[in-house]
N, C-alpha and C. Protein backbone atom coordinates (compact mmCIF):
# COMPACT_ATOMS: atom_id res chain seq x y z
N MET A 1 16.24 89.36 12.70
CA MET A 1 14.93 89.89 12.42
C MET A 1 14.95 91.52 11.97
N HIS A 2 14.28 91.56 10.77
CA HIS A 2 14.28 92.80 10.13
C HIS A 2 12.89 93.13 9.69
N LEU A 3 12.12 94.08 10.34
CA LEU A 3 10.61 94.36 9.73
C LEU A 3 10.79 95.32 8.67
N THR A 4 10.83 94.96 7.50
CA THR A 4 11.10 95.79 6.28
C THR A 4 10.10 96.80 6.05
N THR A 5 10.47 97.95 5.53
CA THR A 5 9.56 98.84 5.06
C THR A 5 9.63 98.96 3.59
N GLY A 6 10.59 98.49 2.90
CA GLY A 6 10.78 98.26 1.66
C GLY A 6 9.52 98.09 0.76
N LEU A 7 8.72 97.40 1.19
CA LEU A 7 7.35 97.04 0.46
C LEU A 7 6.44 97.72 1.12
N GLY A 8 6.61 98.70 1.88
CA GLY A 8 5.41 99.58 2.63
C GLY A 8 5.22 99.16 3.87
N THR A 9 4.56 100.16 4.57
CA THR A 9 4.44 99.87 6.05
C THR A 9 3.35 98.94 6.47
N ASP A 10 2.47 98.74 5.44
CA ASP A 10 1.43 97.59 5.59
C ASP A 10 2.08 96.24 5.90
N ARG A 11 3.18 96.03 5.03
CA ARG A 11 3.90 94.71 5.21
C ARG A 11 4.76 94.69 6.67
N ARG A 12 5.29 95.91 6.83
CA ARG A 12 6.04 95.93 8.13
C ARG A 12 5.00 95.48 9.35
N ASN A 13 3.98 96.28 9.18
CA ASN A 13 3.18 96.10 10.45
C ASN A 13 2.31 94.87 10.53
N GLU A 14 2.21 94.27 9.45
CA GLU A 14 1.66 92.81 9.44
C GLU A 14 2.90 91.84 10.03
N ALA A 15 3.99 92.13 9.74
CA ALA A 15 5.03 91.11 10.18
C ALA A 15 5.21 91.54 11.86
N ALA A 16 5.05 92.81 12.24
CA ALA A 16 5.14 92.92 13.67
C ALA A 16 3.92 92.29 14.44
N ARG A 17 2.81 92.39 13.68
CA ARG A 17 1.73 91.62 14.34
C ARG A 17 1.91 90.17 14.53
N LYS A 18 2.40 89.62 13.56
CA LYS A 18 2.73 88.11 13.53
C LYS A 18 3.88 87.85 14.76
N LEU A 19 4.77 88.73 14.69
CA LEU A 19 5.83 88.63 15.71
C LEU A 19 5.23 88.82 17.12
N ALA A 20 4.43 89.60 17.38
CA ALA A 20 3.75 89.84 18.59
C ALA A 20 2.80 88.70 18.97
N ASP A 21 2.15 87.99 17.96
CA ASP A 21 1.34 86.89 18.10
C ASP A 21 2.31 85.68 18.71
N ALA A 22 3.58 85.53 17.97
CA ALA A 22 4.56 84.38 18.15
C ALA A 22 5.12 84.67 19.67
N VAL A 23 5.53 85.82 20.14
CA VAL A 23 5.71 86.01 21.29
C VAL A 23 4.68 85.75 22.42
N ARG A 24 3.53 86.07 22.23
CA ARG A 24 2.34 85.86 22.95
C ARG A 24 2.10 84.28 23.04
N ALA A 25 2.31 83.62 22.13
CA ALA A 25 1.99 82.16 22.14
C ALA A 25 3.25 81.40 22.64
N GLU A 26 4.46 81.98 22.92
CA GLU A 26 5.66 81.29 23.33
C GLU A 26 5.46 80.84 24.73
N SER A 27 5.70 79.51 24.99
CA SER A 27 5.56 79.04 26.36
C SER A 27 6.88 79.10 27.20
N LEU A 28 7.94 79.16 26.50
CA LEU A 28 9.21 79.21 27.25
C LEU A 28 9.25 80.43 28.14
N PRO A 29 9.91 80.47 29.35
CA PRO A 29 9.96 81.63 30.23
C PRO A 29 10.86 82.64 29.76
N ARG A 30 11.71 82.63 29.04
CA ARG A 30 12.82 83.38 28.41
C ARG A 30 12.70 83.78 26.94
N VAL A 31 12.57 84.93 26.56
CA VAL A 31 12.31 85.25 25.18
C VAL A 31 13.27 86.56 24.93
N VAL A 32 14.11 86.41 23.85
CA VAL A 32 15.04 87.70 23.51
C VAL A 32 14.61 87.82 21.95
N VAL A 33 14.09 89.05 21.46
CA VAL A 33 14.18 89.33 20.17
C VAL A 33 14.93 90.51 19.96
N VAL A 34 15.79 90.30 18.83
CA VAL A 34 16.76 91.49 18.57
C VAL A 34 16.52 91.71 16.99
N GLY A 35 16.64 92.99 16.62
CA GLY A 35 16.49 93.36 15.21
C GLY A 35 16.27 94.71 14.77
N ASP A 36 16.09 95.04 13.73
CA ASP A 36 15.77 96.27 13.04
C ASP A 36 14.28 96.39 13.05
N PHE A 37 13.67 97.14 13.69
CA PHE A 37 12.30 97.14 13.68
C PHE A 37 11.54 98.35 12.91
N ASN A 38 12.49 99.11 12.47
CA ASN A 38 12.07 100.25 11.48
C ASN A 38 10.85 100.95 12.03
N GLY A 39 11.07 101.42 13.45
CA GLY A 39 9.97 102.14 14.01
C GLY A 39 10.67 102.50 15.41
N THR A 40 10.32 103.65 15.94
CA THR A 40 10.60 104.10 17.30
C THR A 40 9.72 103.74 18.23
N SER A 41 10.00 103.84 19.48
CA SER A 41 9.36 103.50 20.63
C SER A 41 7.88 103.92 20.70
N ASP A 42 7.55 104.98 20.06
CA ASP A 42 6.32 105.46 20.09
C ASP A 42 5.51 105.09 18.80
N ASP A 43 5.97 104.18 17.94
CA ASP A 43 5.47 103.67 16.89
C ASP A 43 4.25 102.69 17.24
N THR A 44 2.93 103.05 16.99
CA THR A 44 1.90 102.20 17.49
C THR A 44 1.55 100.93 17.00
N ALA A 45 2.32 100.71 15.89
CA ALA A 45 2.19 99.62 15.22
C ALA A 45 3.12 98.41 15.98
N LEU A 46 4.01 98.94 16.58
CA LEU A 46 4.89 98.03 17.39
C LEU A 46 4.42 97.71 18.90
N ARG A 47 3.49 98.46 19.17
CA ARG A 47 2.90 98.36 20.76
C ARG A 47 2.50 96.91 20.85
N PRO A 48 1.70 95.95 20.06
CA PRO A 48 1.46 94.79 20.56
C PRO A 48 2.73 93.95 20.91
N LEU A 49 3.72 94.16 20.36
CA LEU A 49 5.10 93.62 20.67
C LEU A 49 5.79 94.04 21.87
N THR A 50 5.95 95.63 21.64
CA THR A 50 6.91 96.08 22.88
C THR A 50 6.10 95.98 24.13
N ALA A 51 4.81 95.91 24.10
CA ALA A 51 4.00 95.90 25.52
C ALA A 51 4.20 94.61 26.22
N GLN A 52 4.73 93.52 25.45
CA GLN A 52 5.04 92.26 26.01
C GLN A 52 6.54 92.09 26.54
N LEU A 53 7.32 92.98 25.97
CA LEU A 53 8.72 92.84 26.19
C LEU A 53 9.28 93.98 26.91
N ARG A 54 10.50 93.77 27.58
CA ARG A 54 11.32 94.94 27.92
C ARG A 54 12.30 95.40 27.05
N SER A 55 12.50 96.62 26.95
CA SER A 55 13.65 97.11 26.01
C SER A 55 14.94 97.05 26.97
N ALA A 56 15.98 96.32 26.40
CA ALA A 56 17.21 96.33 27.29
C ALA A 56 17.82 97.69 27.45
N GLN A 57 17.76 98.49 26.26
CA GLN A 57 18.19 99.91 26.30
C GLN A 57 17.62 100.70 27.32
N GLU A 58 16.16 100.69 27.44
CA GLU A 58 15.68 101.46 28.32
C GLU A 58 15.72 100.91 29.82
N ALA A 59 15.91 99.54 29.95
CA ALA A 59 16.01 99.01 31.52
C ALA A 59 17.60 99.28 31.67
N ALA A 60 18.51 99.11 31.04
CA ALA A 60 19.97 99.01 31.38
C ALA A 60 20.95 99.90 30.56
N GLY A 61 20.52 100.79 29.65
CA GLY A 61 21.20 101.40 28.59
C GLY A 61 22.22 102.37 29.03
N ASP A 62 23.30 102.51 28.15
CA ASP A 62 24.31 103.67 28.33
C ASP A 62 23.99 104.63 27.22
N GLY A 63 23.56 105.75 27.60
CA GLY A 63 23.24 106.75 26.48
C GLY A 63 21.92 106.47 26.10
N VAL A 64 21.54 107.13 24.95
CA VAL A 64 20.10 107.09 24.41
C VAL A 64 19.80 105.92 23.29
N GLY A 65 21.08 105.15 23.11
CA GLY A 65 20.80 103.99 22.19
C GLY A 65 20.48 104.30 20.91
N PHE A 66 20.65 105.45 20.28
CA PHE A 66 20.06 105.81 18.83
C PHE A 66 21.04 104.99 17.84
N SER A 67 20.48 104.36 17.07
CA SER A 67 21.19 103.52 15.92
C SER A 67 21.19 103.93 14.40
N ARG A 68 20.31 104.83 14.05
CA ARG A 68 20.14 105.25 12.78
C ARG A 68 19.92 106.69 12.52
N PRO A 69 20.42 107.32 11.45
CA PRO A 69 21.54 106.47 10.71
C PRO A 69 22.99 106.55 11.26
N ALA A 70 23.60 105.67 10.89
CA ALA A 70 25.01 105.28 11.57
C ALA A 70 25.94 106.63 11.65
N ALA A 71 25.88 107.33 10.48
CA ALA A 71 26.67 108.66 10.44
C ALA A 71 26.35 109.69 11.58
N PHE A 72 25.10 109.77 11.83
CA PHE A 72 24.71 110.84 12.73
C PHE A 72 23.21 110.21 13.38
N PRO A 73 23.47 109.26 14.31
CA PRO A 73 22.16 108.60 14.71
C PRO A 73 21.31 109.54 15.64
N VAL A 74 19.99 109.54 15.15
CA VAL A 74 19.03 110.28 15.88
C VAL A 74 17.76 109.54 16.20
N ALA A 75 17.80 108.15 15.81
CA ALA A 75 16.52 107.42 16.06
C ALA A 75 16.95 105.99 16.52
N ARG A 76 16.27 105.43 17.56
CA ARG A 76 16.56 103.98 17.89
C ARG A 76 15.36 103.04 17.44
N ILE A 77 15.94 102.52 16.33
CA ILE A 77 14.95 101.59 15.63
C ILE A 77 15.58 100.17 15.69
N ASP A 78 16.83 100.09 16.21
CA ASP A 78 17.41 98.65 16.37
C ASP A 78 17.14 98.37 17.81
N ARG A 79 16.80 97.11 18.14
CA ARG A 79 16.36 96.91 19.55
C ARG A 79 16.79 95.52 19.97
N ILE A 80 16.87 95.33 21.33
CA ILE A 80 17.05 94.03 21.91
C ILE A 80 15.75 94.19 22.97
N LEU A 81 14.98 93.40 22.81
CA LEU A 81 13.74 93.08 23.65
C LEU A 81 13.65 91.81 24.40
N VAL A 82 13.29 91.79 25.56
CA VAL A 82 13.29 90.74 26.42
C VAL A 82 12.28 90.50 27.26
N LYS A 83 12.04 89.14 27.67
CA LYS A 83 11.09 88.77 28.69
C LYS A 83 11.67 87.59 29.46
N GLY A 84 11.69 87.66 30.85
CA GLY A 84 12.03 86.58 31.61
C GLY A 84 13.72 86.69 31.91
N VAL A 85 14.26 87.66 31.25
CA VAL A 85 15.82 87.85 31.56
C VAL A 85 15.95 89.31 31.85
N THR A 86 17.06 89.53 32.71
CA THR A 86 17.33 90.81 33.12
C THR A 86 18.66 91.54 32.34
N PRO A 87 18.14 92.60 31.66
CA PRO A 87 19.08 93.48 31.18
C PRO A 87 20.20 94.08 32.15
N VAL A 88 21.49 93.86 32.03
CA VAL A 88 22.51 94.27 32.91
C VAL A 88 23.19 95.43 32.26
N SER A 89 23.31 95.55 30.87
CA SER A 89 23.87 96.65 30.25
C SER A 89 23.40 96.59 28.70
N ALA A 90 23.32 97.84 28.15
CA ALA A 90 23.16 97.84 26.62
C ALA A 90 23.78 99.09 26.16
N ARG A 91 24.09 99.01 24.83
CA ARG A 91 24.71 100.24 24.24
C ARG A 91 24.88 99.99 22.66
N THR A 92 25.18 100.99 22.09
CA THR A 92 25.50 100.92 20.65
C THR A 92 26.84 100.54 20.51
N LEU A 93 27.22 100.04 19.39
CA LEU A 93 28.84 99.73 19.22
C LEU A 93 29.24 100.65 18.06
N PRO A 94 30.49 100.68 17.78
CA PRO A 94 31.13 101.50 16.75
C PRO A 94 30.66 101.25 15.44
N ARG A 95 30.61 102.17 14.41
CA ARG A 95 30.11 102.03 12.99
C ARG A 95 30.70 100.86 12.41
N THR A 96 30.05 100.12 11.49
CA THR A 96 30.55 99.10 10.59
C THR A 96 30.31 99.60 9.26
N GLY A 97 30.13 98.76 8.24
CA GLY A 97 29.77 99.28 6.91
C GLY A 97 28.35 99.51 6.61
N SER A 98 27.42 99.36 7.62
CA SER A 98 26.01 99.38 7.73
C SER A 98 25.49 100.84 7.82
N ASP A 99 24.44 101.00 7.48
CA ASP A 99 23.74 102.40 7.44
C ASP A 99 23.00 102.65 9.07
N HIS A 100 23.17 101.39 10.03
CA HIS A 100 22.88 101.45 11.29
C HIS A 100 23.91 101.12 12.18
N LEU A 101 23.95 101.81 13.56
CA LEU A 101 24.98 101.14 14.47
C LEU A 101 24.44 99.93 14.98
N PRO A 102 25.47 98.89 15.23
CA PRO A 102 25.09 97.76 15.96
C PRO A 102 24.65 97.87 17.41
N VAL A 103 23.96 97.21 17.88
CA VAL A 103 23.50 97.13 19.35
C VAL A 103 23.90 95.98 19.93
N ALA A 104 24.30 96.13 21.31
CA ALA A 104 24.66 94.93 22.20
C ALA A 104 24.03 95.16 23.51
N ALA A 105 23.78 93.91 24.14
CA ALA A 105 23.41 94.00 25.66
C ALA A 105 23.99 92.73 26.33
N ALA A 106 24.15 92.95 27.67
CA ALA A 106 24.46 91.97 28.52
C ALA A 106 23.32 91.44 29.12
N LEU A 107 22.87 90.32 29.34
CA LEU A 107 21.72 89.77 30.05
C LEU A 107 22.01 88.79 31.03
N ARG A 108 21.33 88.89 32.07
CA ARG A 108 21.28 87.91 33.25
C ARG A 108 20.16 87.02 33.14
N LEU A 109 20.62 85.56 32.71
CA LEU A 109 19.44 84.62 32.77
C LEU A 109 18.93 84.22 34.18
């Protein structure tokens, strides 16, 4: 999942609303959403989504979980969000060729 800002924040915000609607409508008890949300935890456009899900990093993270930019991370915009599962650990991984650090989590079903 990648909520793009390349076409402007209106498109990203619309995609975030649609994703929040899909999570709300999901009848399965376990939901995991992973991706680049192009917004930090205080981004109001992401609240309809983040209010429904737990951040694996906030629940069980090692360190602050900053993922961008990869060369000197100062923001956490790449996330693992869950509902109905328990985060056991979460962290960023070493740099790759991306401008973001990869994120990982161990989850208990």
